[in-house]
Amino acid sequence: MQVEKDFIDFLRSKECLEDFAKEVGYDKDINIYVFNQLENGNPAYLLICNAFTWSNSERGYSFWANVDEDWAQYCADNYSYIG
């Protein structure tokens, strides 16, 4: 699925793939997290927003809010749909 690849590449480009995977509890295979979210009808642009409580994370709220904003923009720019 293209969204899975794009999402992983996006997190890598932000240097936070491992941190994200750890926060959502899928540090062995982030593809499973993405697939489950999309299969359950969650829109791609919410993959970061709904993932975990940012303020409780090691990187903190501000970091993840910025990454989430960039991901939502990426979705708007690259998909004809944002779901």
Protein backbone atom coordinates (compact mmCIF):
# COMPACT_ATOMS: atom_id res chain seq x y z
CA MET A 1 0.00 0.00 0.00
CA GLN A 2 1.45 3.35 -1.03
CA VAL A 3 0.34 5.18 2.11
CA GLU A 4 2.32 2.75 4.29
CA LYS A 5 5.50 3.33 2.29
CA ASP A 6 4.99 7.09 2.18
CA PHE A 7 4.31 7.24 5.91
CA ILE A 8 7.43 5.28 6.80
CA ASP A 9 9.55 7.34 4.40
CA PHE A 10 8.07 10.52 5.87
CA LEU A 11 8.90 9.48 9.45
CA ARG A 12 12.42 8.52 8.36
CA SER A 13 12.88 11.94 6.75
CA LYS A 14 11.86 13.54 10.06
CA GLU A 15 14.25 11.21 11.91
CA CYS A 16 11.50 9.89 14.15
CA LEU A 17 10.48 6.51 12.74
CA GLU A 18 11.90 4.51 15.63
CA ASP A 19 10.48 6.88 18.23
CA PHE A 20 7.03 6.76 16.64
CA ALA A 21 7.07 2.97 16.38
CA LYS A 22 8.07 2.69 20.03
CA GLU A 23 5.35 5.11 21.16
CA VAL A 24 2.60 3.18 19.36
CA GLY A 25 3.95 -0.19 20.50
CA TYR A 26 4.83 -1.48 17.04
CA ASP A 27 8.60 -1.21 17.26
CA LYS A 28 8.98 -4.53 15.43
CA ASP A 29 6.78 -3.71 12.41
CA ILE A 30 5.26 -0.26 11.93
CA ASN A 31 3.52 -1.52 8.78
CA ILE A 32 1.09 -3.42 11.01
CA TYR A 33 0.11 -0.21 12.82
CA VAL A 34 -0.47 1.66 9.55
CA PHE A 35 -2.38 -1.21 7.96
CA ASN A 36 -4.62 -1.63 11.02
CA GLN A 37 -5.40 2.09 11.19
CA LEU A 38 -6.31 2.32 7.51
CA GLU A 39 -8.28 -0.95 7.58
CA ASN A 40 -10.32 0.42 10.48
CA GLY A 41 -11.28 3.40 8.34
CA ASN A 42 -8.99 5.97 9.93
CA PRO A 43 -7.85 8.57 7.39
CA ALA A 44 -4.15 8.66 6.51
CA TYR A 45 -3.75 12.26 7.65
CA LEU A 46 -4.66 11.20 11.22
CA LEU A 47 -2.02 8.47 11.54
CA ILE A 48 0.10 10.64 13.85
CA CYS A 49 -2.65 12.71 15.46
CA ASN A 50 -4.51 9.72 16.87
CA ALA A 51 -1.52 7.51 17.61
CA PHE A 52 -0.64 8.30 21.24
CA THR A 53 -0.66 11.06 23.85
CA TRP A 54 2.11 13.33 22.62
CA SER A 55 2.62 15.10 25.93
CA ASN A 56 3.47 11.76 27.57
CA SER A 57 6.11 10.94 24.96
CA GLU A 58 9.86 11.33 25.22
CA ARG A 59 9.94 13.93 22.42
CA GLY A 60 6.99 15.87 23.80
CA TYR A 61 3.89 17.57 22.50
CA SER A 62 5.49 20.31 20.39
CA PHE A 63 7.69 17.92 18.44
CA TRP A 64 4.83 15.60 17.49
CA ALA A 65 2.47 18.48 16.77
CA ASN A 66 4.95 19.78 14.20
CA VAL A 67 5.46 16.34 12.66
CA ASP A 68 1.69 15.83 12.54
CA GLU A 69 1.15 19.18 10.82
CA ASP A 70 3.78 18.32 8.21
CA TRP A 71 2.24 14.88 7.63
CA ALA A 72 -1.26 16.33 7.21
CA GLN A 73 0.16 18.77 4.67
CA TYR A 74 1.99 15.94 2.90
CA CYS A 75 -1.30 14.04 2.61
CA ALA A 76 -3.12 17.10 1.26
CA ASP A 77 -0.37 17.69 -1.30
CA ASN A 78 0.10 14.09 -2.44
CA TYR A 79 -3.22 12.30 -2.34
CA SER A 80 -6.36 13.09 -4.25
CA TYR A 81 -8.10 12.01 -1.06
CA ILE A 82 -6.91 12.58 2.47
CA GLY A 83 -8.62 9.57 3.98
